[in-house]
Amino acid sequence: MEGKRRIGVDSNILVSGVLSEWGAAKGVLILAATRVFTIVLVEPVVIEVERVLAKTARGIATYRRLLNICRPERHPITQPDELLDAKKFLPVLRHINDLSILASVLKARPDWFLSDNPDHFGSKLAEATGLNILTSVDFLRRLIVPAP
């Protein structure tokens, strides 16, 4: 990868990376903290992460420190017309609750969108939307051994 990339992350990457001692999601957040790339945060993901991490004082404190260190690019919640535009992807979007995340990510257009839930954000959705969607493991592999 050349240049500083913009990497969108799903809530599972942030929650797992913040709460786990080890793992690919933690690796992604460590690289984000060193500003190897810019994290792209969409508001529906922020809302979900804060709801989950609010249950643990350590989790929410670590998350807030991470935001201060990474200085992510933030994107507001999408407008109703943008949500309607994203509805055309419902046949390949497994969970309707992910529609606001998808609409926001489509608007933000990160270079990559990382999710460790390929059942919800996987290859079929990537193909339909044109988004580059990878798991955290696959993303780290690409950093080490770039695709031809």
N, C-alpha and C. Protein backbone atom coordinates (compact mmCIF):
# COMPACT_ATOMS: atom_id res chain seq x y z
N MET A 1 0.83 -1.18 0.00
CA MET A 1 0.00 0.00 0.00
C MET A 1 0.87 1.24 0.00
N GLU A 2 0.62 2.13 -0.89
CA GLU A 2 1.39 3.35 -0.97
C GLU A 2 0.57 4.51 -0.40
N GLY A 3 1.23 5.42 0.31
CA GLY A 3 0.53 6.58 0.86
C GLY A 3 -0.33 6.22 2.05
N LYS A 4 -0.85 7.25 2.66
CA LYS A 4 -1.69 7.06 3.84
C LYS A 4 -3.12 6.74 3.41
N ARG A 5 -3.59 5.59 3.77
CA ARG A 5 -4.92 5.13 3.38
C ARG A 5 -5.95 5.48 4.43
N ARG A 6 -7.20 5.50 3.98
CA ARG A 6 -8.35 5.75 4.86
C ARG A 6 -9.04 4.41 5.09
N ILE A 7 -9.09 3.98 6.34
CA ILE A 7 -9.62 2.66 6.67
C ILE A 7 -10.87 2.80 7.54
N GLY A 8 -12.01 2.40 6.98
CA GLY A 8 -13.25 2.37 7.75
C GLY A 8 -13.30 1.11 8.58
N VAL A 9 -13.86 1.20 9.76
CA VAL A 9 -13.93 0.03 10.63
C VAL A 9 -15.36 -0.16 11.15
N ASP A 10 -15.74 -1.42 11.20
CA ASP A 10 -17.02 -1.81 11.78
C ASP A 10 -16.89 -1.82 13.30
N SER A 11 -18.01 -1.83 13.98
CA SER A 11 -18.00 -1.79 15.44
C SER A 11 -17.26 -2.99 16.04
N ASN A 12 -17.34 -4.16 15.40
CA ASN A 12 -16.68 -5.34 15.98
C ASN A 12 -15.16 -5.20 16.00
N ILE A 13 -14.59 -4.46 15.06
CA ILE A 13 -13.15 -4.22 15.06
C ILE A 13 -12.77 -3.36 16.26
N LEU A 14 -13.53 -2.30 16.50
CA LEU A 14 -13.23 -1.41 17.61
C LEU A 14 -13.45 -2.09 18.96
N VAL A 15 -14.56 -2.76 19.12
CA VAL A 15 -14.85 -3.42 20.41
C VAL A 15 -13.82 -4.50 20.70
N SER A 16 -13.57 -5.36 19.73
CA SER A 16 -12.60 -6.44 19.92
C SER A 16 -11.20 -5.88 20.15
N GLY A 17 -10.82 -4.89 19.35
CA GLY A 17 -9.49 -4.30 19.49
C GLY A 17 -9.27 -3.61 20.82
N VAL A 18 -10.31 -2.98 21.34
CA VAL A 18 -10.20 -2.28 22.62
C VAL A 18 -10.18 -3.27 23.79
N LEU A 19 -11.01 -4.31 23.73
CA LEU A 19 -11.16 -5.21 24.88
C LEU A 19 -10.20 -6.40 24.88
N SER A 20 -9.63 -6.75 23.74
CA SER A 20 -8.75 -7.92 23.66
C SER A 20 -7.30 -7.55 23.89
N GLU A 21 -6.55 -8.50 24.49
CA GLU A 21 -5.12 -8.28 24.66
C GLU A 21 -4.38 -8.50 23.35
N TRP A 22 -4.85 -9.47 22.55
CA TRP A 22 -4.19 -9.86 21.31
C TRP A 22 -5.22 -10.02 20.22
N GLY A 23 -4.75 -10.05 19.00
CA GLY A 23 -5.63 -10.35 17.88
C GLY A 23 -5.45 -9.35 16.75
N ALA A 24 -6.01 -9.70 15.62
CA ALA A 24 -5.86 -8.87 14.43
C ALA A 24 -6.53 -7.51 14.61
N ALA A 25 -7.70 -7.47 15.25
CA ALA A 25 -8.38 -6.19 15.47
C ALA A 25 -7.51 -5.27 16.33
N LYS A 26 -6.87 -5.84 17.35
CA LYS A 26 -5.94 -5.06 18.19
C LYS A 26 -4.79 -4.54 17.33
N GLY A 27 -4.28 -5.39 16.42
CA GLY A 27 -3.20 -4.97 15.53
C GLY A 27 -3.60 -3.80 14.65
N VAL A 28 -4.83 -3.83 14.14
CA VAL A 28 -5.33 -2.73 13.32
C VAL A 28 -5.35 -1.44 14.14
N LEU A 29 -5.82 -1.52 15.37
CA LEU A 29 -5.89 -0.32 16.21
C LEU A 29 -4.51 0.20 16.59
N ILE A 30 -3.57 -0.71 16.81
CA ILE A 30 -2.20 -0.30 17.10
C ILE A 30 -1.62 0.46 15.91
N LEU A 31 -1.82 -0.06 14.71
CA LEU A 31 -1.34 0.63 13.51
C LEU A 31 -2.04 1.98 13.34
N ALA A 32 -3.32 2.03 13.67
CA ALA A 32 -4.05 3.30 13.59
C ALA A 32 -3.47 4.30 14.58
N ALA A 33 -3.11 3.82 15.77
CA ALA A 33 -2.53 4.71 16.79
C ALA A 33 -1.19 5.26 16.36
N THR A 34 -0.47 4.53 15.52
CA THR A 34 0.82 5.02 15.01
C THR A 34 0.63 5.84 13.74
N ARG A 35 -0.62 5.99 13.34
CA ARG A 35 -1.03 6.78 12.18
C ARG A 35 -0.44 6.28 10.86
N VAL A 36 -0.35 4.94 10.76
CA VAL A 36 0.04 4.32 9.50
C VAL A 36 -1.04 4.59 8.46
N PHE A 37 -2.27 4.70 8.92
CA PHE A 37 -3.41 5.04 8.08
C PHE A 37 -4.39 5.85 8.91
N THR A 38 -5.38 6.39 8.26
CA THR A 38 -6.41 7.17 8.95
C THR A 38 -7.65 6.31 9.14
N ILE A 39 -8.13 6.25 10.37
CA ILE A 39 -9.38 5.54 10.66
C ILE A 39 -10.54 6.43 10.23
N VAL A 40 -11.48 5.84 9.52
CA VAL A 40 -12.71 6.52 9.11
C VAL A 40 -13.83 5.97 9.99
N LEU A 41 -14.42 6.83 10.79
CA LEU A 41 -15.50 6.42 11.69
C LEU A 41 -16.81 7.04 11.24
N VAL A 42 -17.80 6.18 11.04
CA VAL A 42 -19.14 6.67 10.70
C VAL A 42 -19.99 6.63 11.96
N GLU A 43 -20.87 7.59 12.09
CA GLU A 43 -21.64 7.77 13.32
C GLU A 43 -22.42 6.53 13.77
N PRO A 44 -23.05 5.75 12.88
CA PRO A 44 -23.75 4.56 13.37
C PRO A 44 -22.81 3.56 14.07
N VAL A 45 -21.57 3.48 13.62
CA VAL A 45 -20.59 2.61 14.28
C VAL A 45 -20.23 3.20 15.65
N VAL A 46 -20.02 4.49 15.71
CA VAL A 46 -19.69 5.15 16.98
C VAL A 46 -20.79 4.89 18.02
N ILE A 47 -22.02 5.04 17.62
CA ILE A 47 -23.16 4.82 18.53
C ILE A 47 -23.16 3.40 19.06
N GLU A 48 -22.96 2.44 18.19
CA GLU A 48 -22.96 1.02 18.60
C GLU A 48 -21.78 0.71 19.52
N VAL A 49 -20.60 1.20 19.18
CA VAL A 49 -19.41 0.95 20.00
C VAL A 49 -19.58 1.56 21.39
N GLU A 50 -20.05 2.78 21.45
CA GLU A 50 -20.20 3.43 22.75
C GLU A 50 -21.26 2.74 23.60
N ARG A 51 -22.31 2.22 22.96
CA ARG A 51 -23.34 1.48 23.70
C ARG A 51 -22.74 0.21 24.32
N VAL A 52 -21.94 -0.51 23.55
CA VAL A 52 -21.35 -1.76 24.03
C VAL A 52 -20.27 -1.48 25.08
N LEU A 53 -19.38 -0.54 24.80
CA LEU A 53 -18.25 -0.29 25.70
C LEU A 53 -18.66 0.45 26.97
N ALA A 54 -19.81 1.11 26.97
CA ALA A 54 -20.27 1.81 28.17
C ALA A 54 -20.51 0.84 29.33
N LYS A 55 -20.61 -0.43 29.02
CA LYS A 55 -20.84 -1.44 30.06
C LYS A 55 -19.58 -1.72 30.87
N THR A 56 -18.42 -1.29 30.36
CA THR A 56 -17.17 -1.50 31.08
C THR A 56 -16.41 -0.18 31.16
N ALA A 57 -16.05 0.23 32.36
CA ALA A 57 -15.34 1.50 32.53
C ALA A 57 -14.01 1.48 31.79
N ARG A 58 -13.29 0.36 31.87
CA ARG A 58 -11.99 0.25 31.18
C ARG A 58 -12.16 0.35 29.68
N GLY A 59 -13.20 -0.29 29.15
CA GLY A 59 -13.43 -0.29 27.72
C GLY A 59 -13.69 1.09 27.16
N ILE A 60 -14.58 1.83 27.79
CA ILE A 60 -14.93 3.15 27.27
C ILE A 60 -13.76 4.12 27.45
N ALA A 61 -13.01 3.98 28.54
CA ALA A 61 -11.85 4.86 28.76
C ALA A 61 -10.77 4.57 27.70
N THR A 62 -10.52 3.31 27.43
CA THR A 62 -9.53 2.93 26.42
C THR A 62 -9.96 3.42 25.04
N TYR A 63 -11.23 3.28 24.73
CA TYR A 63 -11.77 3.73 23.45
C TYR A 63 -11.58 5.24 23.28
N ARG A 64 -11.87 6.00 24.31
CA ARG A 64 -11.72 7.45 24.23
C ARG A 64 -10.25 7.87 24.07
N ARG A 65 -9.35 7.15 24.75
CA ARG A 65 -7.92 7.42 24.57
C ARG A 65 -7.50 7.10 23.14
N LEU A 66 -8.01 6.01 22.61
CA LEU A 66 -7.71 5.62 21.23
C LEU A 66 -8.14 6.72 20.26
N LEU A 67 -9.34 7.26 20.44
CA LEU A 67 -9.82 8.33 19.57
C LEU A 67 -8.92 9.56 19.65
N ASN A 68 -8.45 9.88 20.84
CA ASN A 68 -7.55 11.03 21.00
C ASN A 68 -6.22 10.80 20.30
N ILE A 69 -5.74 9.59 20.34
CA ILE A 69 -4.45 9.27 19.72
C ILE A 69 -4.58 9.18 18.19
N CYS A 70 -5.61 8.50 17.72
CA CYS A 70 -5.77 8.24 16.29
C CYS A 70 -6.28 9.43 15.49
N ARG A 71 -7.03 10.28 16.14
CA ARG A 71 -7.68 11.41 15.46
C ARG A 71 -8.41 10.94 14.20
N PRO A 72 -9.44 10.11 14.37
CA PRO A 72 -10.14 9.56 13.20
C PRO A 72 -10.88 10.63 12.40
N GLU A 73 -11.11 10.29 11.17
CA GLU A 73 -11.96 11.11 10.30
C GLU A 73 -13.40 10.71 10.62
N ARG A 74 -14.20 11.65 11.09
CA ARG A 74 -15.56 11.34 11.54
C ARG A 74 -16.57 11.75 10.48
N HIS A 75 -17.60 10.91 10.33
CA HIS A 75 -18.68 11.19 9.37
C HIS A 75 -20.03 11.09 10.07
N PRO A 76 -20.88 12.09 9.89
CA PRO A 76 -22.19 12.10 10.57
C PRO A 76 -23.12 11.02 10.02
N ILE A 77 -24.19 10.83 10.73
CA ILE A 77 -25.22 9.89 10.30
C ILE A 77 -25.77 10.34 8.95
N THR A 78 -26.13 9.40 8.11
CA THR A 78 -26.60 9.74 6.77
C THR A 78 -27.99 10.35 6.81
N GLN A 79 -28.30 11.08 5.77
CA GLN A 79 -29.62 11.68 5.62
C GLN A 79 -30.60 10.63 5.09
N PRO A 80 -31.90 10.84 5.29
CA PRO A 80 -32.91 9.86 4.85
C PRO A 80 -32.81 9.49 3.37
N ASP A 81 -32.50 10.45 2.50
CA ASP A 81 -32.40 10.13 1.07
C ASP A 81 -31.20 9.22 0.78
N GLU A 82 -30.10 9.39 1.54
CA GLU A 82 -28.93 8.52 1.37
C GLU A 82 -29.22 7.12 1.87
N LEU A 83 -30.03 7.03 2.92
CA LEU A 83 -30.45 5.73 3.43
C LEU A 83 -31.31 5.02 2.40
N LEU A 84 -32.19 5.75 1.75
CA LEU A 84 -33.03 5.17 0.70
C LEU A 84 -32.18 4.65 -0.46
N ASP A 85 -31.15 5.40 -0.84
CA ASP A 85 -30.26 4.96 -1.91
C ASP A 85 -29.58 3.64 -1.57
N ALA A 86 -29.22 3.45 -0.31
CA ALA A 86 -28.52 2.23 0.11
C ALA A 86 -29.46 1.02 0.17
N LYS A 87 -30.76 1.26 0.21
CA LYS A 87 -31.72 0.14 0.31
C LYS A 87 -31.62 -0.82 -0.87
N LYS A 88 -31.09 -0.37 -2.00
CA LYS A 88 -30.97 -1.26 -3.16
C LYS A 88 -30.02 -2.43 -2.87
N PHE A 89 -29.22 -2.32 -1.81
CA PHE A 89 -28.28 -3.38 -1.45
C PHE A 89 -28.86 -4.36 -0.42
N LEU A 90 -30.12 -4.16 -0.03
CA LEU A 90 -30.73 -5.05 0.96
C LEU A 90 -30.67 -6.54 0.57
N PRO A 91 -30.81 -6.90 -0.71
CA PRO A 91 -30.72 -8.33 -1.05
C PRO A 91 -29.38 -8.98 -0.66
N VAL A 92 -28.30 -8.19 -0.60
CA VAL A 92 -27.00 -8.77 -0.22
C VAL A 92 -26.55 -8.32 1.17
N LEU A 93 -27.35 -7.50 1.82
CA LEU A 93 -27.07 -7.07 3.20
C LEU A 93 -27.86 -7.98 4.12
N ARG A 94 -27.17 -8.73 4.91
CA ARG A 94 -27.82 -9.78 5.70
C ARG A 94 -28.74 -9.24 6.80
N HIS A 95 -28.40 -8.10 7.35
CA HIS A 95 -29.10 -7.60 8.53
C HIS A 95 -29.53 -6.16 8.28
N ILE A 96 -30.82 -5.90 8.32
CA ILE A 96 -31.33 -4.55 8.01
C ILE A 96 -30.78 -3.51 8.98
N ASN A 97 -30.43 -3.91 10.20
CA ASN A 97 -29.88 -2.95 11.16
C ASN A 97 -28.54 -2.40 10.70
N ASP A 98 -27.88 -3.07 9.74
CA ASP A 98 -26.61 -2.59 9.21
C ASP A 98 -26.78 -1.59 8.08
N LEU A 99 -28.01 -1.30 7.70
CA LEU A 99 -28.25 -0.40 6.57
C LEU A 99 -27.69 1.00 6.82
N SER A 100 -27.85 1.53 8.04
CA SER A 100 -27.33 2.88 8.31
C SER A 100 -25.81 2.90 8.29
N ILE A 101 -25.18 1.81 8.73
CA ILE A 101 -23.72 1.72 8.65
C ILE A 101 -23.30 1.70 7.18
N LEU A 102 -23.96 0.85 6.39
CA LEU A 102 -23.63 0.74 4.98
C LEU A 102 -23.80 2.08 4.27
N ALA A 103 -24.91 2.75 4.49
CA ALA A 103 -25.16 4.05 3.83
C ALA A 103 -24.08 5.05 4.21
N SER A 104 -23.68 5.06 5.46
CA SER A 104 -22.66 6.00 5.92
C SER A 104 -21.29 5.67 5.32
N VAL A 105 -20.98 4.39 5.24
CA VAL A 105 -19.70 3.96 4.66
C VAL A 105 -19.67 4.28 3.17
N LEU A 106 -20.78 4.05 2.48
CA LEU A 106 -20.85 4.38 1.06
C LEU A 106 -20.60 5.87 0.83
N LYS A 107 -21.13 6.70 1.71
CA LYS A 107 -20.93 8.14 1.58
C LYS A 107 -19.48 8.53 1.90
N ALA A 108 -18.89 7.92 2.93
CA ALA A 108 -17.52 8.25 3.35
C ALA A 108 -16.48 7.71 2.36
N ARG A 109 -16.77 6.60 1.71
CA ARG A 109 -15.90 5.97 0.71
C ARG A 109 -14.45 5.78 1.19
N PRO A 110 -14.25 5.00 2.27
CA PRO A 110 -12.88 4.71 2.68
C PRO A 110 -12.19 3.81 1.64
N ASP A 111 -10.87 3.76 1.69
CA ASP A 111 -10.13 2.87 0.78
C ASP A 111 -10.45 1.41 1.09
N TRP A 112 -10.61 1.11 2.35
CA TRP A 112 -10.97 -0.23 2.81
C TRP A 112 -12.01 -0.09 3.92
N PHE A 113 -12.87 -1.09 4.05
CA PHE A 113 -13.78 -1.17 5.19
C PHE A 113 -13.54 -2.52 5.84
N LEU A 114 -13.20 -2.51 7.13
CA LEU A 114 -12.87 -3.73 7.84
C LEU A 114 -14.01 -4.16 8.75
N SER A 115 -14.35 -5.43 8.65
CA SER A 115 -15.36 -6.02 9.52
C SER A 115 -14.97 -7.47 9.77
N ASP A 116 -15.04 -7.87 11.01
CA ASP A 116 -14.78 -9.27 11.35
C ASP A 116 -16.07 -10.07 11.38
N ASN A 117 -17.08 -9.56 10.70
CA ASN A 117 -18.35 -10.28 10.55
C ASN A 117 -18.65 -10.42 9.06
N PRO A 118 -17.97 -11.36 8.39
CA PRO A 118 -18.16 -11.49 6.94
C PRO A 118 -19.55 -11.95 6.54
N ASP A 119 -20.33 -12.45 7.49
CA ASP A 119 -21.72 -12.80 7.17
C ASP A 119 -22.54 -11.53 6.91
N HIS A 120 -22.19 -10.45 7.56
CA HIS A 120 -22.90 -9.18 7.38
C HIS A 120 -22.21 -8.28 6.36
N PHE A 121 -20.89 -8.19 6.45
CA PHE A 121 -20.11 -7.36 5.52
C PHE A 121 -19.07 -8.26 4.86
N GLY A 122 -19.45 -8.88 3.76
CA GLY A 122 -18.57 -9.83 3.11
C GLY A 122 -18.41 -9.58 1.62
N SER A 123 -17.98 -10.62 0.93
CA SER A 123 -17.62 -10.49 -0.49
C SER A 123 -18.80 -10.15 -1.38
N LYS A 124 -19.98 -10.69 -1.09
CA LYS A 124 -21.16 -10.37 -1.92
C LYS A 124 -21.50 -8.89 -1.82
N LEU A 125 -21.44 -8.35 -0.62
CA LEU A 125 -21.73 -6.93 -0.42
C LEU A 125 -20.63 -6.08 -1.07
N ALA A 126 -19.39 -6.52 -0.94
CA ALA A 126 -18.28 -5.80 -1.57
C ALA A 126 -18.46 -5.73 -3.08
N GLU A 127 -18.83 -6.84 -3.66
CA GLU A 127 -19.03 -6.90 -5.10
C GLU A 127 -20.19 -5.99 -5.54
N ALA A 128 -21.26 -6.01 -4.80
CA ALA A 128 -22.44 -5.21 -5.16
C ALA A 128 -22.20 -3.71 -5.00
N THR A 129 -21.44 -3.32 -3.98
CA THR A 129 -21.26 -1.90 -3.67
C THR A 129 -19.99 -1.29 -4.25
N GLY A 130 -19.03 -2.12 -4.58
CA GLY A 130 -17.73 -1.61 -5.02
C GLY A 130 -16.82 -1.25 -3.87
N LEU A 131 -17.25 -1.51 -2.63
CA LEU A 131 -16.40 -1.25 -1.46
C LEU A 131 -15.35 -2.35 -1.34
N ASN A 132 -14.18 -2.00 -0.86
CA ASN A 132 -13.14 -2.99 -0.54
C ASN A 132 -13.36 -3.42 0.90
N ILE A 133 -13.96 -4.59 1.09
CA ILE A 133 -14.30 -5.07 2.43
C ILE A 133 -13.41 -6.26 2.76
N LEU A 134 -12.74 -6.19 3.90
CA LEU A 134 -11.86 -7.27 4.37
C LEU A 134 -12.06 -7.49 5.86
N THR A 135 -11.67 -8.68 6.33
CA THR A 135 -11.57 -8.90 7.77
C THR A 135 -10.27 -8.27 8.24
N SER A 136 -10.12 -8.12 9.55
CA SER A 136 -8.89 -7.54 10.07
C SER A 136 -7.68 -8.42 9.76
N VAL A 137 -7.85 -9.73 9.80
CA VAL A 137 -6.76 -10.66 9.47
C VAL A 137 -6.34 -10.49 8.02
N ASP A 138 -7.30 -10.47 7.11
CA ASP A 138 -6.98 -10.32 5.69
C ASP A 138 -6.34 -8.97 5.40
N PHE A 139 -6.79 -7.93 6.09
CA PHE A 139 -6.19 -6.61 5.91
C PHE A 139 -4.73 -6.61 6.33
N LEU A 140 -4.43 -7.18 7.50
CA LEU A 140 -3.04 -7.23 7.98
C LEU A 140 -2.18 -8.07 7.04
N ARG A 141 -2.73 -9.14 6.52
CA ARG A 141 -2.00 -9.95 5.53
C ARG A 141 -1.64 -9.13 4.30
N ARG A 142 -2.58 -8.31 3.86
CA ARG A 142 -2.33 -7.45 2.67
C ARG A 142 -1.24 -6.42 2.95
N LEU A 143 -1.16 -5.96 4.19
CA LEU A 143 -0.10 -5.01 4.52
C LEU A 143 1.26 -5.67 4.44
N ILE A 144 1.31 -6.93 4.84
CA ILE A 144 2.58 -7.68 4.87
C ILE A 144 2.95 -8.16 3.48
N VAL A 145 1.98 -8.75 2.78
CA VAL A 145 2.20 -9.28 1.44
C VAL A 145 1.15 -8.65 0.53
N PRO A 146 1.48 -7.52 -0.09
CA PRO A 146 0.50 -6.85 -0.96
C PRO A 146 0.02 -7.75 -2.09
N ALA A 147 -1.26 -7.59 -2.43
CA ALA A 147 -1.84 -8.36 -3.53
C ALA A 147 -1.16 -7.95 -4.84
N PRO A 148 -1.00 -8.92 -5.78
CA PRO A 148 -0.34 -8.59 -7.05
C PRO A 148 -1.12 -7.59 -7.87
